[in-house]
Amino acid sequence: MNDTTTATPLFHFHAGTAPLLVSMPHVGTHVPPAIAGRLTGEARQVPDTDWHLERLYAFARGLGASVLAATHSRYVVDLNRPPDGSSLYPGQSVT
């Protein structure tokens, strides 16, 4: 990993036994100091986090689901976006 992500893994993965994957790309709150220093005070509070999603889906492991959960804030890496920046919804206007 490079110096902007530190040694913290980008995600945690629990391999389940059922053909079901629960993906939580916006639950992470880690922002490495090198990036946090460039953010506003408000942004350092990582307000775009899905704060309670892990609690909401806590039952999923019991169903045998695999669970993929981000550790880093989406301000660092957005795990549900392609690395080349291409649109997730081709032909649609997105922000």
N, C-alpha and C. Protein backbone atom coordinates (compact mmCIF):
# COMPACT_ATOMS: atom_id res chain seq x y z
N MET A 1 0.83 -1.19 0.00
CA MET A 1 0.00 0.00 0.00
C MET A 1 0.87 1.24 0.00
N ASN A 2 0.31 2.32 -0.49
CA ASN A 2 1.10 3.54 -0.50
C ASN A 2 0.88 4.35 0.78
N ASP A 3 1.56 5.46 0.89
CA ASP A 3 1.53 6.24 2.13
C ASP A 3 0.18 6.90 2.40
N THR A 4 -0.75 6.93 1.44
CA THR A 4 -2.04 7.55 1.69
C THR A 4 -3.04 6.58 2.31
N THR A 5 -2.76 5.30 2.30
CA THR A 5 -3.70 4.34 2.87
C THR A 5 -3.18 3.71 4.16
N THR A 6 -1.93 3.91 4.50
CA THR A 6 -1.27 3.33 5.67
C THR A 6 -1.34 1.82 5.62
N ALA A 7 -1.04 1.19 6.74
CA ALA A 7 -1.05 -0.26 6.81
C ALA A 7 -2.45 -0.81 7.08
N THR A 8 -3.42 0.03 7.32
CA THR A 8 -4.79 -0.42 7.55
C THR A 8 -5.34 -1.01 6.27
N PRO A 9 -5.89 -2.23 6.32
CA PRO A 9 -6.46 -2.81 5.10
C PRO A 9 -7.63 -1.97 4.60
N LEU A 10 -7.86 -1.96 3.31
CA LEU A 10 -8.94 -1.15 2.73
C LEU A 10 -10.33 -1.70 3.06
N PHE A 11 -10.39 -2.99 3.38
CA PHE A 11 -11.68 -3.61 3.67
C PHE A 11 -11.47 -4.85 4.53
N HIS A 12 -12.56 -5.30 5.14
CA HIS A 12 -12.59 -6.58 5.84
C HIS A 12 -13.54 -7.47 5.04
N PHE A 13 -13.14 -8.72 4.87
CA PHE A 13 -13.97 -9.67 4.14
C PHE A 13 -14.20 -10.90 4.99
N HIS A 14 -15.47 -11.25 5.15
CA HIS A 14 -15.86 -12.49 5.83
C HIS A 14 -16.42 -13.41 4.76
N ALA A 15 -15.78 -14.55 4.56
CA ALA A 15 -16.25 -15.51 3.57
C ALA A 15 -17.36 -16.36 4.17
N GLY A 16 -18.52 -16.26 3.59
CA GLY A 16 -19.66 -17.03 4.06
C GLY A 16 -19.77 -18.36 3.34
N THR A 17 -20.87 -19.04 3.60
CA THR A 17 -21.11 -20.36 3.01
C THR A 17 -22.26 -20.35 2.02
N ALA A 18 -23.02 -19.26 1.96
CA ALA A 18 -24.18 -19.15 1.06
C ALA A 18 -23.80 -18.30 -0.15
N PRO A 19 -24.55 -18.44 -1.24
CA PRO A 19 -24.28 -17.62 -2.44
C PRO A 19 -24.87 -16.21 -2.30
N LEU A 20 -24.42 -15.50 -1.27
CA LEU A 20 -24.92 -14.17 -0.99
C LEU A 20 -23.76 -13.29 -0.50
N LEU A 21 -23.63 -12.12 -1.10
CA LEU A 21 -22.61 -11.16 -0.70
C LEU A 21 -23.28 -9.87 -0.26
N VAL A 22 -22.97 -9.44 0.96
CA VAL A 22 -23.43 -8.15 1.46
C VAL A 22 -22.23 -7.21 1.38
N SER A 23 -22.35 -6.18 0.56
CA SER A 23 -21.27 -5.23 0.35
C SER A 23 -21.61 -3.91 1.03
N MET A 24 -20.68 -3.43 1.85
CA MET A 24 -20.88 -2.17 2.57
C MET A 24 -19.70 -1.25 2.26
N PRO A 25 -19.73 -0.59 1.09
CA PRO A 25 -18.58 0.20 0.66
C PRO A 25 -18.41 1.55 1.35
N HIS A 26 -19.41 1.98 2.13
CA HIS A 26 -19.33 3.32 2.73
C HIS A 26 -19.42 3.31 4.25
N VAL A 27 -19.03 2.20 4.88
CA VAL A 27 -19.06 2.13 6.35
C VAL A 27 -17.73 2.53 6.97
N GLY A 28 -16.68 2.61 6.17
CA GLY A 28 -15.36 2.92 6.70
C GLY A 28 -15.22 4.36 7.16
N THR A 29 -14.40 4.56 8.19
CA THR A 29 -14.18 5.90 8.73
C THR A 29 -12.70 6.29 8.77
N HIS A 30 -11.81 5.36 8.45
CA HIS A 30 -10.37 5.65 8.54
C HIS A 30 -9.96 6.66 7.46
N VAL A 31 -9.28 7.70 7.89
CA VAL A 31 -8.69 8.68 6.97
C VAL A 31 -7.24 8.85 7.43
N PRO A 32 -6.27 8.41 6.62
CA PRO A 32 -4.87 8.55 7.00
C PRO A 32 -4.52 10.02 7.26
N PRO A 33 -3.61 10.28 8.19
CA PRO A 33 -3.24 11.65 8.54
C PRO A 33 -2.84 12.51 7.34
N ALA A 34 -2.15 11.93 6.36
CA ALA A 34 -1.73 12.70 5.19
C ALA A 34 -2.91 13.25 4.41
N ILE A 35 -4.02 12.54 4.42
CA ILE A 35 -5.23 13.00 3.73
C ILE A 35 -6.06 13.87 4.67
N ALA A 36 -6.19 13.47 5.92
CA ALA A 36 -7.00 14.21 6.89
C ALA A 36 -6.52 15.65 7.01
N GLY A 37 -5.21 15.86 6.94
CA GLY A 37 -4.66 17.20 7.05
C GLY A 37 -5.08 18.13 5.93
N ARG A 38 -5.54 17.57 4.82
CA ARG A 38 -5.99 18.38 3.69
C ARG A 38 -7.50 18.59 3.67
N LEU A 39 -8.21 17.98 4.62
CA LEU A 39 -9.66 18.09 4.65
C LEU A 39 -10.12 19.22 5.56
N THR A 40 -11.32 19.69 5.33
CA THR A 40 -11.90 20.68 6.24
C THR A 40 -12.29 19.96 7.54
N GLY A 41 -12.54 20.73 8.58
CA GLY A 41 -12.97 20.14 9.84
C GLY A 41 -14.24 19.32 9.69
N GLU A 42 -15.16 19.82 8.90
CA GLU A 42 -16.40 19.08 8.67
C GLU A 42 -16.14 17.77 7.95
N ALA A 43 -15.30 17.80 6.93
CA ALA A 43 -15.00 16.58 6.18
C ALA A 43 -14.28 15.55 7.05
N ARG A 44 -13.46 16.00 7.99
CA ARG A 44 -12.77 15.07 8.88
C ARG A 44 -13.75 14.30 9.78
N GLN A 45 -14.97 14.79 9.87
CA GLN A 45 -16.00 14.08 10.64
C GLN A 45 -16.65 12.96 9.80
N VAL A 46 -16.22 12.81 8.56
CA VAL A 46 -16.70 11.82 7.58
C VAL A 46 -18.23 11.66 7.59
N PRO A 47 -18.94 12.78 7.30
CA PRO A 47 -20.40 12.76 7.38
C PRO A 47 -21.10 11.86 6.36
N ASP A 48 -20.40 11.48 5.30
CA ASP A 48 -21.02 10.63 4.28
C ASP A 48 -20.90 9.14 4.58
N THR A 49 -20.61 8.80 5.81
CA THR A 49 -20.47 7.41 6.23
C THR A 49 -21.86 6.79 6.44
N ASP A 50 -21.99 5.52 6.08
CA ASP A 50 -23.21 4.76 6.39
C ASP A 50 -23.05 4.21 7.80
N TRP A 51 -23.34 5.04 8.77
CA TRP A 51 -23.00 4.78 10.17
C TRP A 51 -23.56 3.49 10.75
N HIS A 52 -24.75 3.11 10.44
CA HIS A 52 -25.38 1.98 11.14
C HIS A 52 -25.59 0.75 10.26
N LEU A 53 -25.03 0.75 9.08
CA LEU A 53 -25.25 -0.35 8.15
C LEU A 53 -24.74 -1.68 8.69
N GLU A 54 -23.59 -1.68 9.33
CA GLU A 54 -23.06 -2.94 9.86
C GLU A 54 -23.99 -3.52 10.93
N ARG A 55 -24.56 -2.67 11.76
CA ARG A 55 -25.52 -3.15 12.76
C ARG A 55 -26.79 -3.65 12.09
N LEU A 56 -27.24 -2.94 11.06
CA LEU A 56 -28.46 -3.31 10.36
C LEU A 56 -28.34 -4.70 9.72
N TYR A 57 -27.16 -5.00 9.20
CA TYR A 57 -26.95 -6.28 8.53
C TYR A 57 -26.17 -7.28 9.37
N ALA A 58 -26.15 -7.11 10.66
CA ALA A 58 -25.43 -8.03 11.55
C ALA A 58 -25.94 -9.46 11.44
N PHE A 59 -27.16 -9.64 11.05
CA PHE A 59 -27.74 -10.97 10.91
C PHE A 59 -27.21 -11.74 9.70
N ALA A 60 -26.59 -11.05 8.75
CA ALA A 60 -26.20 -11.66 7.47
C ALA A 60 -25.23 -12.83 7.64
N ARG A 61 -24.27 -12.70 8.52
CA ARG A 61 -23.32 -13.79 8.72
C ARG A 61 -24.03 -15.05 9.19
N GLY A 62 -25.04 -14.88 10.03
CA GLY A 62 -25.81 -16.02 10.52
C GLY A 62 -26.55 -16.74 9.41
N LEU A 63 -26.82 -16.04 8.31
CA LEU A 63 -27.46 -16.66 7.14
C LEU A 63 -26.45 -17.31 6.22
N GLY A 64 -25.16 -17.17 6.55
CA GLY A 64 -24.11 -17.73 5.71
C GLY A 64 -23.62 -16.77 4.64
N ALA A 65 -24.02 -15.52 4.70
CA ALA A 65 -23.60 -14.54 3.70
C ALA A 65 -22.13 -14.17 3.84
N SER A 66 -21.51 -13.87 2.73
CA SER A 66 -20.19 -13.25 2.75
C SER A 66 -20.41 -11.76 2.97
N VAL A 67 -19.50 -11.12 3.69
CA VAL A 67 -19.65 -9.70 4.00
C VAL A 67 -18.36 -8.98 3.65
N LEU A 68 -18.49 -7.92 2.87
CA LEU A 68 -17.38 -7.07 2.47
C LEU A 68 -17.65 -5.68 3.03
N ALA A 69 -16.78 -5.21 3.94
CA ALA A 69 -17.00 -3.92 4.59
C ALA A 69 -15.74 -3.06 4.49
N ALA A 70 -15.91 -1.85 4.00
CA ALA A 70 -14.79 -0.91 3.88
C ALA A 70 -14.29 -0.50 5.26
N THR A 71 -13.01 -0.21 5.35
CA THR A 71 -12.43 0.33 6.59
C THR A 71 -12.13 1.82 6.42
N HIS A 72 -11.80 2.23 5.20
CA HIS A 72 -11.44 3.62 4.92
C HIS A 72 -12.67 4.41 4.49
N SER A 73 -12.66 5.69 4.80
CA SER A 73 -13.72 6.58 4.37
C SER A 73 -13.79 6.60 2.85
N ARG A 74 -14.96 6.86 2.33
CA ARG A 74 -15.11 7.00 0.88
C ARG A 74 -14.35 8.20 0.36
N TYR A 75 -13.90 9.10 1.24
CA TYR A 75 -13.05 10.22 0.84
C TYR A 75 -11.65 9.75 0.47
N VAL A 76 -11.30 8.55 0.91
CA VAL A 76 -9.98 7.98 0.61
C VAL A 76 -10.08 7.05 -0.59
N VAL A 77 -11.00 6.11 -0.53
CA VAL A 77 -11.24 5.18 -1.63
C VAL A 77 -12.71 4.77 -1.58
N ASP A 78 -13.36 4.80 -2.72
CA ASP A 78 -14.77 4.42 -2.81
C ASP A 78 -14.81 3.04 -3.46
N LEU A 79 -15.04 2.02 -2.66
CA LEU A 79 -14.90 0.64 -3.14
C LEU A 79 -15.95 0.21 -4.14
N ASN A 80 -17.01 0.97 -4.32
CA ASN A 80 -17.98 0.57 -5.33
C ASN A 80 -17.89 1.42 -6.59
N ARG A 81 -16.73 2.01 -6.81
CA ARG A 81 -16.48 2.79 -8.03
C ARG A 81 -15.33 2.15 -8.80
N PRO A 82 -15.43 2.13 -10.11
CA PRO A 82 -14.33 1.57 -10.91
C PRO A 82 -13.08 2.44 -10.79
N PRO A 83 -11.90 1.83 -10.80
CA PRO A 83 -10.66 2.60 -10.65
C PRO A 83 -10.42 3.60 -11.78
N ASP A 84 -11.03 3.39 -12.94
CA ASP A 84 -10.81 4.32 -14.05
C ASP A 84 -11.78 5.50 -14.03
N GLY A 85 -12.69 5.54 -13.04
CA GLY A 85 -13.62 6.65 -12.93
C GLY A 85 -14.80 6.59 -13.86
N SER A 86 -14.96 5.48 -14.59
CA SER A 86 -16.09 5.39 -15.51
C SER A 86 -17.40 5.35 -14.74
N SER A 87 -18.47 5.77 -15.41
CA SER A 87 -19.77 5.88 -14.78
C SER A 87 -20.32 4.51 -14.41
N LEU A 88 -20.94 4.45 -13.24
CA LEU A 88 -21.64 3.23 -12.85
C LEU A 88 -22.95 3.09 -13.60
N TYR A 89 -23.46 4.20 -14.09
CA TYR A 89 -24.74 4.24 -14.76
C TYR A 89 -24.60 4.91 -16.12
N PRO A 90 -24.03 4.23 -17.11
CA PRO A 90 -23.80 4.84 -18.42
C PRO A 90 -25.09 5.44 -18.99
N GLY A 91 -24.94 6.64 -19.52
CA GLY A 91 -26.07 7.32 -20.14
C GLY A 91 -26.89 8.15 -19.18
N GLN A 92 -26.60 8.05 -17.88
CA GLN A 92 -27.36 8.82 -16.90
C GLN A 92 -26.50 9.95 -16.36
N SER A 93 -27.13 11.06 -16.05
CA SER A 93 -26.45 12.18 -15.44
C SER A 93 -26.27 11.89 -13.95
N VAL A 94 -25.02 11.94 -13.49
CA VAL A 94 -24.75 11.67 -12.07
C VAL A 94 -23.93 12.80 -11.49
N THR A 95 -23.96 12.94 -10.18
CA THR A 95 -23.19 13.98 -9.51
C THR A 95 -21.87 13.43 -9.05
